[in-house]
């Protein structure tokens, strides 16, 4: 099973690329952001966050108040590390469970959308890393278009990740998302064609 990590900077188009690649025949996928969103809807992870950061971080239904938590942690390396120490181990467990299930099921390609692939320094079983990148000004414009994100929070969110230049140096493949959606989809289709060759019998 060929395993491809999809990563890059925030608001650079990873999710669009991942959605296109998931249409790849015989593939399976893991979405780290979706996993985190699920963990923040209730349960043990939410309780741990409430104990660590205060019960005011939780909504009446037990889910995490994500805007409040974002404001609490993104201006502090220490608090962000504490939050990651709560969430990331559970995400890694779910990733490995999905990966093992897909491998046993005979899936040909496993796509793993992991925004913090390089930042977490975790041992994910990955064959190739695809980085989706865009210029800083494009990134900030897209990020500020998201509800509830102002300039200060946007800067903190970008600063919390490795510079995109560093990720580009580490990448096995790159999709550059500075233009139209159509251009992004076209690049993704080219990458899928390359994957088709890699997953064909006796391919090299």
Protein backbone atom coordinates (compact mmCIF):
# COMPACT_ATOMS: atom_id res chain seq x y z
CA UNK A 1 0.00 0.00 0.00
CA UNK A 2 1.40 3.36 -1.06
CA UNK A 3 0.96 5.97 1.69
CA UNK A 4 0.93 9.65 0.78
CA UNK A 5 0.91 12.42 3.38
CA UNK A 6 -0.70 15.68 2.30
CA UNK A 7 0.56 18.68 4.24
CA UNK A 8 1.55 22.32 3.83
CA UNK A 9 0.68 25.67 5.36
CA UNK A 10 -2.66 26.65 6.81
CA UNK A 11 -5.13 28.03 4.23
CA UNK A 12 -3.00 26.89 1.30
CA UNK A 13 -5.44 24.41 -0.24
CA UNK A 14 -4.61 21.04 1.35
CA UNK A 15 -8.24 20.08 1.81
CA UNK A 16 -9.15 20.82 -1.81
CA UNK A 17 -6.25 18.69 -3.01
CA UNK A 18 -7.12 15.91 -0.57
CA UNK A 19 -10.76 15.81 -1.73
CA UNK A 20 -9.63 15.45 -5.32
CA UNK A 21 -7.15 12.70 -4.49
CA UNK A 22 -9.67 10.71 -2.47
CA UNK A 23 -11.47 10.00 -5.75
CA UNK A 24 -8.45 7.87 -6.69
CA UNK A 25 -9.70 4.33 -7.35
CA UNK A 26 -8.81 1.88 -4.62
CA UNK A 27 -7.80 4.57 -2.14
CA UNK A 28 -8.61 5.32 1.49
CA UNK A 29 -8.04 8.49 3.46
CA UNK A 30 -7.40 9.95 6.90
CA UNK A 31 -8.12 13.60 7.74
CA UNK A 32 -6.33 14.79 10.88
CA UNK A 33 -8.36 18.00 11.10
CA UNK A 34 -11.62 16.08 10.88
CA UNK A 35 -10.33 13.72 13.56
CA UNK A 36 -9.53 16.66 15.86
CA UNK A 37 -12.93 18.22 15.19
CA UNK A 38 -14.57 14.96 16.20
CA UNK A 39 -12.52 14.76 19.41
CA UNK A 40 -13.61 18.29 20.37
CA UNK A 41 -17.31 17.48 20.24
CA UNK A 42 -17.31 15.70 23.59
CA UNK A 43 -15.74 12.92 25.61
CA UNK A 44 -12.45 12.34 27.37
CA UNK A 45 -10.35 14.74 25.31
CA UNK A 46 -12.79 17.59 26.01
CA UNK A 47 -12.74 16.79 29.71
CA UNK A 48 -8.95 16.88 29.74
CA UNK A 49 -8.98 20.24 27.97
CA UNK A 50 -11.48 21.60 30.50
CA UNK A 51 -9.35 20.41 33.40
CA UNK A 52 -6.18 21.92 31.93
CA UNK A 53 -7.45 25.22 30.54
CA UNK A 54 -10.58 25.86 32.60
CA UNK A 55 -14.20 24.80 32.39
CA UNK A 56 -14.98 28.02 30.52
CA UNK A 57 -13.34 26.39 27.52
CA UNK A 58 -16.29 23.99 27.31
CA UNK A 59 -19.76 24.61 25.95
CA UNK A 60 -22.83 23.52 27.97
CA UNK A 61 -23.04 20.30 25.92
CA UNK A 62 -19.48 19.34 26.87
CA UNK A 63 -17.89 20.21 23.53
CA UNK A 64 -14.92 22.56 23.30
CA UNK A 65 -15.49 26.25 22.59
CA UNK A 66 -12.98 26.34 19.76
CA UNK A 67 -12.75 30.15 19.31
CA UNK A 68 -12.11 30.59 23.05
CA UNK A 69 -9.52 27.81 23.08
CA UNK A 70 -7.82 29.27 20.01
CA UNK A 71 -7.44 32.64 21.74
CA UNK A 72 -6.10 30.93 24.87
CA UNK A 73 -3.38 28.84 23.26
CA UNK A 74 -2.11 30.44 20.07
CA UNK A 75 -0.21 33.24 21.78
CA UNK A 76 1.66 30.81 24.04
CA UNK A 77 4.10 28.13 22.93
CA UNK A 78 3.77 26.43 26.32
CA UNK A 79 -0.05 26.27 26.30
CA UNK A 80 -0.06 25.12 22.70
CA UNK A 81 2.35 22.31 23.59
CA UNK A 82 0.04 21.23 26.43
CA UNK A 83 -2.95 21.13 24.08
CA UNK A 84 -1.01 19.15 21.50
CA UNK A 85 0.05 16.72 24.22
CA UNK A 86 -3.63 16.04 24.88
CA UNK A 87 -4.88 15.81 21.30
CA UNK A 88 -2.04 14.48 19.16
CA UNK A 89 -1.60 11.05 20.81
CA UNK A 90 -5.28 10.25 20.19
CA UNK A 91 -5.04 11.44 16.58
CA UNK A 92 -1.99 9.24 16.03
CA UNK A 93 -3.83 6.23 17.47
CA UNK A 94 -6.78 6.75 15.14
CA UNK A 95 -4.45 7.27 12.19
CA UNK A 96 -2.63 4.03 12.83
CA UNK A 97 -5.90 2.14 13.26
CA UNK A 98 -7.20 3.46 9.92
CA UNK A 99 -3.88 2.78 8.22
CA UNK A 100 -3.74 -0.81 9.47
CA UNK A 101 -7.36 -1.44 8.50
CA UNK A 102 -6.74 -0.08 4.99
CA UNK A 103 -3.58 -2.13 4.55
CA UNK A 104 -5.34 -5.31 5.62
CA UNK A 105 -8.24 -4.51 3.27
CA UNK A 106 -5.89 -4.37 0.28
CA UNK A 107 -6.19 -0.63 -0.38
CA UNK A 108 -3.71 0.53 -3.04
CA UNK A 109 -3.22 4.16 -1.88
CA UNK A 110 -3.73 5.65 1.57
CA UNK A 111 -3.97 9.46 1.68
CA UNK A 112 -3.24 11.13 5.00
CA UNK A 113 -4.12 14.82 5.28
CA UNK A 114 -1.92 15.92 8.19
CA UNK A 115 -1.41 19.72 8.43
CA UNK A 116 1.21 19.38 11.16
CA UNK A 117 3.02 16.40 9.65
CA UNK A 118 6.46 17.98 10.02
CA UNK A 119 5.72 19.93 13.20
CA UNK A 120 4.64 16.90 15.25
CA UNK A 121 7.71 14.84 14.29
CA UNK A 122 5.64 11.71 14.74
CA UNK A 123 6.45 8.39 13.18
CA UNK A 124 3.72 8.02 10.58
CA UNK A 125 4.16 5.19 8.07
CA UNK A 126 4.47 7.31 4.91
CA UNK A 127 6.07 6.69 1.53
CA UNK A 128 5.65 10.12 -0.05
CA UNK A 129 4.96 13.63 1.25
CA UNK A 130 3.00 16.06 -0.91
CA UNK A 131 3.24 19.70 0.17
CA UNK A 132 0.55 22.15 -0.95
CA UNK A 133 1.96 25.69 -0.86
CA UNK A 134 1.04 29.28 -1.69
CA UNK A 135 2.59 32.74 -1.30
CA UNK A 136 2.30 34.35 2.13
CA UNK A 137 -0.01 37.13 0.92
CA UNK A 138 -2.39 34.59 -0.61
CA UNK A 139 -2.30 32.50 2.56
CA UNK A 140 -3.16 35.49 4.79
CA UNK A 141 -5.97 36.64 2.52
CA UNK A 142 -7.58 33.21 2.57
CA UNK A 143 -7.11 32.85 6.31
CA UNK A 144 -8.72 36.22 7.05
CA UNK A 145 -11.75 35.18 5.00
CA UNK A 146 -12.50 32.48 7.56
CA UNK A 147 -15.15 33.33 10.16
CA UNK A 148 -13.88 34.49 13.54
CA UNK A 149 -10.23 34.94 12.51
CA UNK A 150 -8.73 38.41 12.77
CA UNK A 151 -5.30 39.62 11.78
CA UNK A 152 -3.66 38.91 15.16
CA UNK A 153 -4.97 35.35 15.42
CA UNK A 154 -4.08 34.73 11.77
CA UNK A 155 -0.48 35.79 12.38
CA UNK A 156 -0.28 33.56 15.45
CA UNK A 157 -1.67 30.57 13.55
CA UNK A 158 0.87 30.98 10.76
CA UNK A 159 3.71 31.49 13.24
CA UNK A 160 2.77 28.25 15.01
CA UNK A 161 3.74 26.25 11.92
CA UNK A 162 7.08 25.64 10.28
CA UNK A 163 7.84 28.12 7.50
CA UNK A 164 6.49 26.87 4.20
CA UNK A 165 10.00 27.18 2.74
CA UNK A 166 11.19 24.51 5.19
CA UNK A 167 8.35 22.19 4.22
CA UNK A 168 9.08 22.68 0.54
CA UNK A 169 12.67 21.60 1.10
CA UNK A 170 11.49 18.40 2.79
CA UNK A 171 8.75 17.56 0.27
CA UNK A 172 8.78 14.69 -2.21
CA UNK A 173 6.28 16.53 -4.42
CA UNK A 174 4.78 20.03 -4.46
CA UNK A 175 1.51 21.56 -5.66
CA UNK A 176 1.74 25.35 -5.91
CA UNK A 177 -1.63 26.96 -5.19
CA UNK A 178 -1.28 30.63 -6.08
CA UNK A 179 -3.80 30.80 -8.91
CA UNK A 180 -7.30 29.65 -9.70
CA UNK A 181 -9.14 26.63 -8.37
CA UNK A 182 -9.04 25.19 -11.88
CA UNK A 183 -5.23 25.41 -11.92
CA UNK A 184 -5.08 23.67 -8.53
CA UNK A 185 -7.33 20.86 -9.70
CA UNK A 186 -5.27 20.43 -12.87
CA UNK A 187 -2.07 20.04 -10.85
CA UNK A 188 -3.84 17.54 -8.59
CA UNK A 189 -4.92 15.53 -11.62
CA UNK A 190 -1.32 15.39 -12.84
CA UNK A 191 -0.27 14.08 -9.43
CA UNK A 192 -3.02 11.45 -9.55
CA UNK A 193 -1.76 10.32 -12.96
CA UNK A 194 1.70 9.90 -11.48
CA UNK A 195 0.19 7.86 -8.63
CA UNK A 196 -1.61 5.69 -11.15
CA UNK A 197 1.75 4.74 -12.60
CA UNK A 198 3.17 4.03 -9.15
CA UNK A 199 0.31 1.72 -8.19
CA UNK A 200 0.14 -0.26 -11.42
CA UNK A 201 1.42 -3.86 -11.19
CA UNK A 202 5.15 -4.12 -11.84
CA UNK A 203 5.53 -0.31 -11.88
CA UNK A 204 8.88 1.15 -10.84
